[in-house]
């Protein structure tokens, strides 16, 4: 049993939004993901998927992409990204598949670790942060604490967090998110959202006893990365 991570699958198996309009490396990228995934992930493994799962605008369309993921090997734990407009009732989502679990104010367990998370948002101080972002940013902080607190209440003291947005802005200074990670003693933070030119904002490795891992699918060559045995 091993733990893998990946994010930003940007699936559109309905054909509504092919990703190769952005770059030729995205041509048939779902087949690249499928091939790589099946080579390294077994049914006993767990894969964290940190947001931007499907371009679908509603659940009916999203089911095509979710079914594709469900058929891949392993147990999957998914959190929301900024493009996951189809994401609805967490209770309904968690009733859909036996091998796929969705995080929203809750957590799931892996070998004594609580897998927690939320979407995150643009960090204050960023060049693109607007006044209207403040409310969403604070709400995402609340969701993160709710997720961590639900695990802590059940006796967990080891945490891995999935967050779609980078937890720092382009200055790389600490944020409320990094403060929460350190407050709870989070071991690893899996995040995505960054592509192409924005990859100059990558923060990976250890920082104040927290390991940060970027898993945007094009950054990791369309292949899940192992983060723990």
C-alpha atoms as a PDB file:
ATOM      1  CA  UNK A   1       0.000   0.000   0.000  1.00  0.00           C
ATOM      2  CA  UNK A   2       1.378   3.393  -1.043  1.00  0.00           C
ATOM      3  CA  UNK A   3       0.068   6.957  -1.178  1.00  0.00           C
ATOM      4  CA  UNK A   4       0.230   8.895  -4.452  1.00  0.00           C
ATOM      5  CA  UNK A   5      -0.896  12.388  -5.454  1.00  0.00           C
ATOM      6  CA  UNK A   6      -1.908  14.230  -8.599  1.00  0.00           C
ATOM      7  CA  UNK A   7      -4.000  17.306  -9.420  1.00  0.00           C
ATOM      8  CA  UNK A   8      -5.428  19.383 -12.254  1.00  0.00           C
ATOM      9  CA  UNK A   9      -6.600  16.446 -14.350  1.00  0.00           C
ATOM     10  CA  UNK A  10      -8.829  18.887 -16.289  1.00  0.00           C
ATOM     11  CA  UNK A  11     -10.804  16.046 -17.806  1.00  0.00           C
ATOM     12  CA  UNK A  12     -13.345  16.748 -20.528  1.00  0.00           C
ATOM     13  CA  UNK A  13     -14.262  13.368 -21.941  1.00  0.00           C
ATOM     14  CA  UNK A  14     -17.489  14.811 -23.299  1.00  0.00           C
ATOM     15  CA  UNK A  15     -15.256  16.677 -25.758  1.00  0.00           C
ATOM     16  CA  UNK A  16     -16.490  20.092 -24.667  1.00  0.00           C
ATOM     17  CA  UNK A  17     -13.074  21.510 -23.744  1.00  0.00           C
ATOM     18  CA  UNK A  18      -9.991  19.700 -25.096  1.00  0.00           C
ATOM     19  CA  UNK A  19      -6.812  20.778 -23.323  1.00  0.00           C
ATOM     20  CA  UNK A  20      -4.548  20.684 -26.386  1.00  0.00           C
ATOM     21  CA  UNK A  21      -5.740  24.205 -27.253  1.00  0.00           C
ATOM     22  CA  UNK A  22      -3.325  25.340 -24.531  1.00  0.00           C
ATOM     23  CA  UNK A  23      -0.325  23.252 -25.603  1.00  0.00           C
ATOM     24  CA  UNK A  24       0.460  20.192 -27.700  1.00  0.00           C
ATOM     25  CA  UNK A  25       1.713  18.389 -24.584  1.00  0.00           C
ATOM     26  CA  UNK A  26      -1.929  18.213 -23.465  1.00  0.00           C
ATOM     27  CA  UNK A  27      -3.046  16.258 -26.544  1.00  0.00           C
ATOM     28  CA  UNK A  28      -4.937  13.156 -25.359  1.00  0.00           C
ATOM     29  CA  UNK A  29      -3.599  13.873 -21.895  1.00  0.00           C
ATOM     30  CA  UNK A  30      -6.229  11.640 -20.282  1.00  0.00           C
ATOM     31  CA  UNK A  31      -4.670   8.686 -22.105  1.00  0.00           C
ATOM     32  CA  UNK A  32      -1.226   9.676 -20.806  1.00  0.00           C
ATOM     33  CA  UNK A  33      -2.639   9.811 -17.285  1.00  0.00           C
ATOM     34  CA  UNK A  34      -4.385   6.452 -17.691  1.00  0.00           C
ATOM     35  CA  UNK A  35      -1.280   4.739 -19.048  1.00  0.00           C
ATOM     36  CA  UNK A  36       1.041   6.102 -16.352  1.00  0.00           C
ATOM     37  CA  UNK A  37      -1.477   5.497 -13.567  1.00  0.00           C
ATOM     38  CA  UNK A  38      -2.044   1.878 -14.520  1.00  0.00           C
ATOM     39  CA  UNK A  39       1.705   1.241 -14.633  1.00  0.00           C
ATOM     40  CA  UNK A  40       2.432   2.382 -11.084  1.00  0.00           C
ATOM     41  CA  UNK A  41      -0.760   2.396  -8.985  1.00  0.00           C
ATOM     42  CA  UNK A  42      -2.215  -0.847  -7.627  1.00  0.00           C
ATOM     43  CA  UNK A  43      -5.683  -1.517  -6.255  1.00  0.00           C
ATOM     44  CA  UNK A  44      -4.247  -1.426  -2.727  1.00  0.00           C
ATOM     45  CA  UNK A  45      -2.841   2.092  -3.167  1.00  0.00           C
ATOM     46  CA  UNK A  46      -4.483   5.451  -2.455  1.00  0.00           C
ATOM     47  CA  UNK A  47      -4.308   8.479  -4.758  1.00  0.00           C
ATOM     48  CA  UNK A  48      -4.983  12.065  -3.643  1.00  0.00           C
ATOM     49  CA  UNK A  49      -6.478  14.305  -6.345  1.00  0.00           C
ATOM     50  CA  UNK A  50      -6.188  17.965  -5.377  1.00  0.00           C
ATOM     51  CA  UNK A  51      -8.766  19.748  -7.483  1.00  0.00           C
ATOM     52  CA  UNK A  52      -9.592  20.858 -11.023  1.00  0.00           C
ATOM     53  CA  UNK A  53     -10.814  17.381 -11.744  1.00  0.00           C
ATOM     54  CA  UNK A  54     -13.303  18.035 -14.544  1.00  0.00           C
ATOM     55  CA  UNK A  55     -14.283  20.930 -16.809  1.00  0.00           C
ATOM     56  CA  UNK A  56     -17.924  19.852 -16.542  1.00  0.00           C
ATOM     57  CA  UNK A  57     -20.476  22.475 -15.537  1.00  0.00           C
ATOM     58  CA  UNK A  58     -22.938  20.049 -13.935  1.00  0.00           C
ATOM     59  CA  UNK A  59     -23.009  16.596 -12.368  1.00  0.00           C
ATOM     60  CA  UNK A  60     -24.472  14.879 -15.422  1.00  0.00           C
ATOM     61  CA  UNK A  61     -21.489  15.945 -17.505  1.00  0.00           C
ATOM     62  CA  UNK A  62     -19.007  15.319 -14.694  1.00  0.00           C
ATOM     63  CA  UNK A  63     -20.055  11.701 -14.271  1.00  0.00           C
ATOM     64  CA  UNK A  64     -18.311  10.800 -17.537  1.00  0.00           C
ATOM     65  CA  UNK A  65     -15.025  12.069 -16.111  1.00  0.00           C
ATOM     66  CA  UNK A  66     -15.615  10.712 -12.605  1.00  0.00           C
ATOM     67  CA  UNK A  67     -16.398   7.266 -14.028  1.00  0.00           C
ATOM     68  CA  UNK A  68     -13.074   7.407 -15.900  1.00  0.00           C
ATOM     69  CA  UNK A  69     -11.239   8.079 -12.613  1.00  0.00           C
ATOM     70  CA  UNK A  70     -13.222   5.440 -10.726  1.00  0.00           C
ATOM     71  CA  UNK A  71     -12.115   2.762 -13.189  1.00  0.00           C
ATOM     72  CA  UNK A  72      -8.436   3.511 -12.575  1.00  0.00           C
ATOM     73  CA  UNK A  73      -6.664   1.369  -9.949  1.00  0.00           C
ATOM     74  CA  UNK A  74      -6.692   2.306  -6.288  1.00  0.00           C
ATOM     75  CA  UNK A  75      -8.718   4.236  -3.776  1.00  0.00           C
ATOM     76  CA  UNK A  76      -9.063   7.937  -4.596  1.00  0.00           C
ATOM     77  CA  UNK A  77      -9.538  10.917  -2.282  1.00  0.00           C
ATOM     78  CA  UNK A  78     -10.610  14.109  -4.062  1.00  0.00           C
ATOM     79  CA  UNK A  79     -10.789  17.772  -3.086  1.00  0.00           C
ATOM     80  CA  UNK A  80     -12.288  20.699  -4.970  1.00  0.00           C
ATOM     81  CA  UNK A  81     -10.569  23.058  -7.409  1.00  0.00           C
ATOM     82  CA  UNK A  82     -11.617  26.427  -8.762  1.00  0.00           C
ATOM     83  CA  UNK A  83     -12.901  24.897 -12.012  1.00  0.00           C
ATOM     84  CA  UNK A  84     -14.979  22.136 -10.401  1.00  0.00           C
ATOM     85  CA  UNK A  85     -18.326  23.879 -10.928  1.00  0.00           C
ATOM     86  CA  UNK A  86     -20.124  20.516 -10.950  1.00  0.00           C
ATOM     87  CA  UNK A  87     -19.195  19.887  -7.296  1.00  0.00           C
ATOM     88  CA  UNK A  88     -22.444  19.608  -5.306  1.00  0.00           C
ATOM     89  CA  UNK A  89     -23.677  18.046  -2.084  1.00  0.00           C
ATOM     90  CA  UNK A  90     -20.807  16.306  -0.316  1.00  0.00           C
ATOM     91  CA  UNK A  91     -23.214  13.634   0.950  1.00  0.00           C
ATOM     92  CA  UNK A  92     -24.329  12.883  -2.597  1.00  0.00           C
ATOM     93  CA  UNK A  93     -20.784  12.845  -3.921  1.00  0.00           C
ATOM     94  CA  UNK A  94     -19.674  10.387  -1.268  1.00  0.00           C
ATOM     95  CA  UNK A  95     -22.545   8.060  -2.150  1.00  0.00           C
ATOM     96  CA  UNK A  96     -21.505   7.691  -5.791  1.00  0.00           C
ATOM     97  CA  UNK A  97     -18.497   5.335  -5.672  1.00  0.00           C
ATOM     98  CA  UNK A  98     -17.024   2.744  -3.343  1.00  0.00           C
ATOM     99  CA  UNK A  99     -13.439   3.675  -4.268  1.00  0.00           C
ATOM    100  CA  UNK A 100     -13.727   7.470  -4.404  1.00  0.00           C
ATOM    101  CA  UNK A 101     -14.070   9.807  -1.405  1.00  0.00           C
ATOM    102  CA  UNK A 102     -14.674  13.560  -1.517  1.00  0.00           C
ATOM    103  CA  UNK A 103     -13.402  16.059   1.068  1.00  0.00           C
ATOM    104  CA  UNK A 104     -15.394  19.039   2.291  1.00  0.00           C
ATOM    105  CA  UNK A 105     -15.226  19.871   6.015  1.00  0.00           C
ATOM    106  CA  UNK A 106     -14.439  16.184   6.614  1.00  0.00           C
ATOM    107  CA  UNK A 107     -11.431  13.849   6.410  1.00  0.00           C
ATOM    108  CA  UNK A 108     -10.412  10.323   5.454  1.00  0.00           C
ATOM    109  CA  UNK A 109      -7.801   8.054   7.010  1.00  0.00           C
ATOM    110  CA  UNK A 110      -4.606   6.630   5.544  1.00  0.00           C
ATOM    111  CA  UNK A 111      -2.311   4.527   7.748  1.00  0.00           C
ATOM    112  CA  UNK A 112      -2.926   6.603  10.859  1.00  0.00           C
ATOM    113  CA  UNK A 113      -2.886   9.936   8.998  1.00  0.00           C
ATOM    114  CA  UNK A 114      -5.969  12.082   8.551  1.00  0.00           C
ATOM    115  CA  UNK A 115      -6.276  13.282   4.960  1.00  0.00           C
ATOM    116  CA  UNK A 116      -7.843  16.744   5.239  1.00  0.00           C
ATOM    117  CA  UNK A 117      -8.255  19.678   2.915  1.00  0.00           C
ATOM    118  CA  UNK A 118     -10.150  22.388   1.107  1.00  0.00           C
ATOM    119  CA  UNK A 119      -9.930  24.341  -2.140  1.00  0.00           C
ATOM    120  CA  UNK A 120      -8.003  27.354  -0.856  1.00  0.00           C
ATOM    121  CA  UNK A 121      -8.065  30.683  -2.688  1.00  0.00           C
ATOM    122  CA  UNK A 122      -5.964  33.580  -3.925  1.00  0.00           C
ATOM    123  CA  UNK A 123      -3.680  34.746  -1.105  1.00  0.00           C
ATOM    124  CA  UNK A 124      -3.862  38.367   0.146  1.00  0.00           C
ATOM    125  CA  UNK A 125      -0.944  40.425  -1.132  1.00  0.00           C
ATOM    126  CA  UNK A 126      -1.064  38.701  -4.507  1.00  0.00           C
ATOM    127  CA  UNK A 127      -1.134  40.971  -7.544  1.00  0.00           C
ATOM    128  CA  UNK A 128      -4.502  39.458  -8.532  1.00  0.00           C
ATOM    129  CA  UNK A 129      -6.149  39.584  -5.088  1.00  0.00           C
ATOM    130  CA  UNK A 130      -9.307  41.719  -5.158  1.00  0.00           C
ATOM    131  CA  UNK A 131     -11.594  43.034  -2.455  1.00  0.00           C
ATOM    132  CA  UNK A 132     -14.233  40.431  -3.287  1.00  0.00           C
ATOM    133  CA  UNK A 133     -11.675  37.651  -2.726  1.00  0.00           C
ATOM    134  CA  UNK A 134     -11.454  38.401   0.998  1.00  0.00           C
ATOM    135  CA  UNK A 135     -14.757  36.699   1.878  1.00  0.00           C
ATOM    136  CA  UNK A 136     -13.946  33.538  -0.095  1.00  0.00           C
ATOM    137  CA  UNK A 137     -10.421  33.413   1.334  1.00  0.00           C
ATOM    138  CA  UNK A 138     -11.731  33.539   4.915  1.00  0.00           C
ATOM    139  CA  UNK A 139     -14.382  30.933   4.172  1.00  0.00           C
ATOM    140  CA  UNK A 140     -11.735  28.560   2.829  1.00  0.00           C
ATOM    141  CA  UNK A 141      -9.702  29.020   6.005  1.00  0.00           C
ATOM    142  CA  UNK A 142     -12.776  28.043   8.003  1.00  0.00           C
ATOM    143  CA  UNK A 143     -13.280  24.954   5.833  1.00  0.00           C
ATOM    144  CA  UNK A 144      -9.660  23.939   6.378  1.00  0.00           C
ATOM    145  CA  UNK A 145     -10.019  24.226  10.145  1.00  0.00           C
ATOM    146  CA  UNK A 146     -13.306  22.298  10.073  1.00  0.00           C
ATOM    147  CA  UNK A 147     -11.599  19.481   8.202  1.00  0.00           C
ATOM    148  CA  UNK A 148      -8.620  19.378  10.553  1.00  0.00           C
ATOM    149  CA  UNK A 149     -10.775  19.752  13.664  1.00  0.00           C
ATOM    150  CA  UNK A 150     -13.048  16.892  12.625  1.00  0.00           C
ATOM    151  CA  UNK A 151      -9.992  14.622  12.473  1.00  0.00           C
ATOM    152  CA  UNK A 152      -8.475  16.001  15.650  1.00  0.00           C
ATOM    153  CA  UNK A 153     -11.744  15.416  17.502  1.00  0.00           C
ATOM    154  CA  UNK A 154     -11.557  11.757  16.477  1.00  0.00           C
ATOM    155  CA  UNK A 155      -8.088  11.441  17.969  1.00  0.00           C
ATOM    156  CA  UNK A 156      -5.839  12.023  14.962  1.00  0.00           C
ATOM    157  CA  UNK A 157      -2.577  13.896  15.475  1.00  0.00           C
ATOM    158  CA  UNK A 158      -0.960  13.251  12.075  1.00  0.00           C
ATOM    159  CA  UNK A 159      -2.274  15.187   9.098  1.00  0.00           C
ATOM    160  CA  UNK A 160      -1.831  15.432   5.338  1.00  0.00           C
ATOM    161  CA  UNK A 161      -3.602  18.345   3.653  1.00  0.00           C
ATOM    162  CA  UNK A 162      -4.868  18.705   0.086  1.00  0.00           C
ATOM    163  CA  UNK A 163      -5.353  22.285  -1.098  1.00  0.00           C
ATOM    164  CA  UNK A 164      -5.827  23.291  -4.710  1.00  0.00           C
ATOM    165  CA  UNK A 165      -4.424  26.820  -4.648  1.00  0.00           C
ATOM    166  CA  UNK A 166      -0.807  27.509  -3.664  1.00  0.00           C
ATOM    167  CA  UNK A 167      -0.710  28.377   0.055  1.00  0.00           C
ATOM    168  CA  UNK A 168       1.544  31.410  -0.555  1.00  0.00           C
ATOM    169  CA  UNK A 169       1.482  34.266  -3.039  1.00  0.00           C
ATOM    170  CA  UNK A 170       4.303  35.289  -5.377  1.00  0.00           C
ATOM    171  CA  UNK A 171       6.275  36.808  -2.478  1.00  0.00           C
ATOM    172  CA  UNK A 172       6.483  33.351  -0.822  1.00  0.00           C
ATOM    173  CA  UNK A 173       5.773  34.934   2.579  1.00  0.00           C
ATOM    174  CA  UNK A 174       3.810  33.020   5.212  1.00  0.00           C
ATOM    175  CA  UNK A 175       0.027  33.144   4.916  1.00  0.00           C
ATOM    176  CA  UNK A 176      -2.926  32.249   7.111  1.00  0.00           C
ATOM    177  CA  UNK A 177      -2.892  28.854   5.410  1.00  0.00           C
ATOM    178  CA  UNK A 178       0.754  28.123   6.207  1.00  0.00           C
ATOM    179  CA  UNK A 179       0.106  29.315   9.775  1.00  0.00           C
ATOM    180  CA  UNK A 180      -2.733  26.791  10.127  1.00  0.00           C
ATOM    181  CA  UNK A 181      -0.580  23.980   8.722  1.00  0.00           C
ATOM    182  CA  UNK A 182       2.103  24.719  11.292  1.00  0.00           C
ATOM    183  CA  UNK A 183      -0.406  25.157  14.122  1.00  0.00           C
ATOM    184  CA  UNK A 184      -1.840  21.670  13.545  1.00  0.00           C
ATOM    185  CA  UNK A 185       1.501  20.030  12.830  1.00  0.00           C
ATOM    186  CA  UNK A 186       0.593  19.062   9.264  1.00  0.00           C
ATOM    187  CA  UNK A 187       3.211  16.744   7.754  1.00  0.00           C
ATOM    188  CA  UNK A 188       2.590  17.237   4.031  1.00  0.00           C
ATOM    189  CA  UNK A 189       0.644  19.692   1.877  1.00  0.00           C
ATOM    190  CA  UNK A 190      -0.389  18.646  -1.629  1.00  0.00           C
ATOM    191  CA  UNK A 191      -1.360  21.484  -3.966  1.00  0.00           C
ATOM    192  CA  UNK A 192      -1.806  22.300  -7.658  1.00  0.00           C
ATOM    193  CA  UNK A 193      -3.297  25.100  -9.783  1.00  0.00           C
ATOM    194  CA  UNK A 194       0.045  26.275 -11.186  1.00  0.00           C
ATOM    195  CA  UNK A 195       0.808  25.826 -14.889  1.00  0.00           C
ATOM    196  CA  UNK A 196       3.162  27.239 -17.519  1.00  0.00           C
ATOM    197  CA  UNK A 197       4.450  30.717 -16.586  1.00  0.00           C
ATOM    198  CA  UNK A 198       2.993  30.518 -13.095  1.00  0.00           C
ATOM    199  CA  UNK A 199       5.397  27.691 -12.314  1.00  0.00           C
ATOM    200  CA  UNK A 200       7.875  30.369 -11.216  1.00  0.00           C
ATOM    201  CA  UNK A 201       5.756  30.394  -8.041  1.00  0.00           C
ATOM    202  CA  UNK A 202       6.527  26.782  -7.154  1.00  0.00           C
ATOM    203  CA  UNK A 203       7.204  26.115  -3.487  1.00  0.00           C
ATOM    204  CA  UNK A 204       8.336  22.569  -2.782  1.00  0.00           C
ATOM    205  CA  UNK A 205      10.264  20.780  -0.088  1.00  0.00           C
ATOM    206  CA  UNK A 206      10.426  21.412   3.654  1.00  0.00           C
ATOM    207  CA  UNK A 207       9.388  24.708   5.202  1.00  0.00           C
ATOM    208  CA  UNK A 208       8.936  25.070   8.963  1.00  0.00           C
ATOM    209  CA  UNK A 209       8.570  21.280   9.331  1.00  0.00           C
ATOM    210  CA  UNK A 210       5.888  21.038   6.627  1.00  0.00           C
ATOM    211  CA  UNK A 211       6.621  19.367   3.279  1.00  0.00           C
ATOM    212  CA  UNK A 212       5.037  21.089   0.273  1.00  0.00           C
ATOM    213  CA  UNK A 213       4.444  19.068  -2.902  1.00  0.00           C
ATOM    214  CA  UNK A 214       3.197  20.520  -6.195  1.00  0.00           C
ATOM    215  CA  UNK A 215       1.182  17.971  -8.173  1.00  0.00           C
ATOM    216  CA  UNK A 216      -0.173  19.876 -11.191  1.00  0.00           C
ATOM    217  CA  UNK A 217      -0.435  17.092 -13.737  1.00  0.00           C
ATOM    218  CA  UNK A 218       1.676  18.789 -16.413  1.00  0.00           C
ATOM    219  CA  UNK A 219       4.361  19.567 -13.799  1.00  0.00           C
ATOM    220  CA  UNK A 220       4.641  15.871 -12.852  1.00  0.00           C
ATOM    221  CA  UNK A 221       4.574  14.570 -16.445  1.00  0.00           C
ATOM    222  CA  UNK A 222       0.973  13.315 -16.246  1.00  0.00           C
ATOM    223  CA  UNK A 223       1.883  10.629 -13.750  1.00  0.00           C
ATOM    224  CA  UNK A 224       0.883  10.254 -10.080  1.00  0.00           C
ATOM    225  CA  UNK A 225       3.804  10.850  -7.717  1.00  0.00           C
ATOM    226  CA  UNK A 226       4.412   8.700  -4.670  1.00  0.00           C
ATOM    227  CA  UNK A 227       4.407  10.729  -1.471  1.00  0.00           C
ATOM    228  CA  UNK A 228       4.426   7.945   1.111  1.00  0.00           C
ATOM    229  CA  UNK A 229       4.850   4.177   1.281  1.00  0.00           C
END
